[in-house]
Amino acid sequence: MASENFTPGNDNAPRYDGAPGLAEMWYSTMTDRATKAGYWFRLTVEVPKVGPGTCRIWAASFRPGEPPLVLRRTYPIGDFSGRDDGLCLPDAELSAGKLAGEVSSRGRKIAWDLSFDPAPNTYQHLPARIRQSKRSPAVVCSPNLDVVFTGKVSVDGKEMAVDAPGQQSHRWGKKHPPGWGWAHGCVWEGGAEGIFEGLSTIVPLGPVRGPKATLLYLRTPEGEGGTSSLVEGLRANCRMEYPRWSFVGTSGDTRVSGMFVLDPARSVQVRYEDPEGSEAFCVNSEVADGWVAMERREGRQWKRTARLQADATAHFELGARKPYPGVPVAELD
């Protein structure tokens, strides 16, 4: 994967160096093949401009037939321990090939013990000029864009084996964007596996709400002759109208379009805090619905060459500065 969007090295190393004004997070999402249960695990370091910092463990479960559950546990910043390939908190860890932890809160408990084969390269969502700029409010990358998590997850003592395609990403910066949409999926028509990763963010321009920037990555399953199609860094136009996110992008003879939809009954909403004290809200589901189509131009017509169809298996979230309707903001800790 020799391109600007894939870089060697381990990008899970913490950026936190003791200085104030940082929000840093490592998040992992997955959907089990057999049970169709989805999980979202999130480890964070949050250091305000004024006051003591904290580190947190977040966990969310989306199991069929059960209401979604999200829990969080907060620790003082002194309990954080960084490492070259991830981090350790008192009850959780992320390292090369290992994801484990537990959260107990309000009489509920989620625990996980998972392993994966680390990806050899990091997927960079943003172009180098943006992620290397000191003016960029945040940077996001996926050290493990396309991995399979195996092991077990327990919810209130009910343990399930896990064999789950998913991803693991790392984000850090001064604040959350004014709004964003993100989706990930891997199951295509016929059950073959490829990968889709899409991200839209509203770009802040000082005090002014700026335009949306949408970047797509797409690798289709192998077709006839054992070849697959790859589209990366495709810029697209998008619409973020809760509970939907839709997009279309064209480059030369290739067009990629898609839509993801949140079901409030299968989603959780959480509140984030920026180092400066402002708030952001995120609605997340690891069992969302969606589709992505790839087309090739043939003369004056477009011919579909691949389609991702995610029925309650997509990883999808929307973020904004105000709470979304229809999903209660979770009371955590």
Foldseek 3Di string as FASTA:
>chain_A
DPDQQKAFFAPQFDPDDPAAQKKKKKKKWWAFPPQRKIKIWMWIWHGANDDFIKIKIKIWIQGPPDFIDIAMDIDGPVQWATDRAHTDGPAWTDGQFWTWGKGDDPNKIKTDTKGKHWDRIKGFQDGPVQVVDPPNQKGKIWRFQWIWIFDWMAIRRRIDTGGIIITMMIMMGRFAAQKKKWKKDFAWPPRFGWIKIKMKGFDDDDPDGHHIWIWIWTWFAQDPPRDIDTDGRFTWDWDPDPPKIWIWGDDDFKIKIKMKGDDLRQWAKEWDAGSPGAIKMKIWHQQTWMKMWMWGDDPPDTDTDIMHGRHGHMTIMMMHRDDDPSHDHDDYD
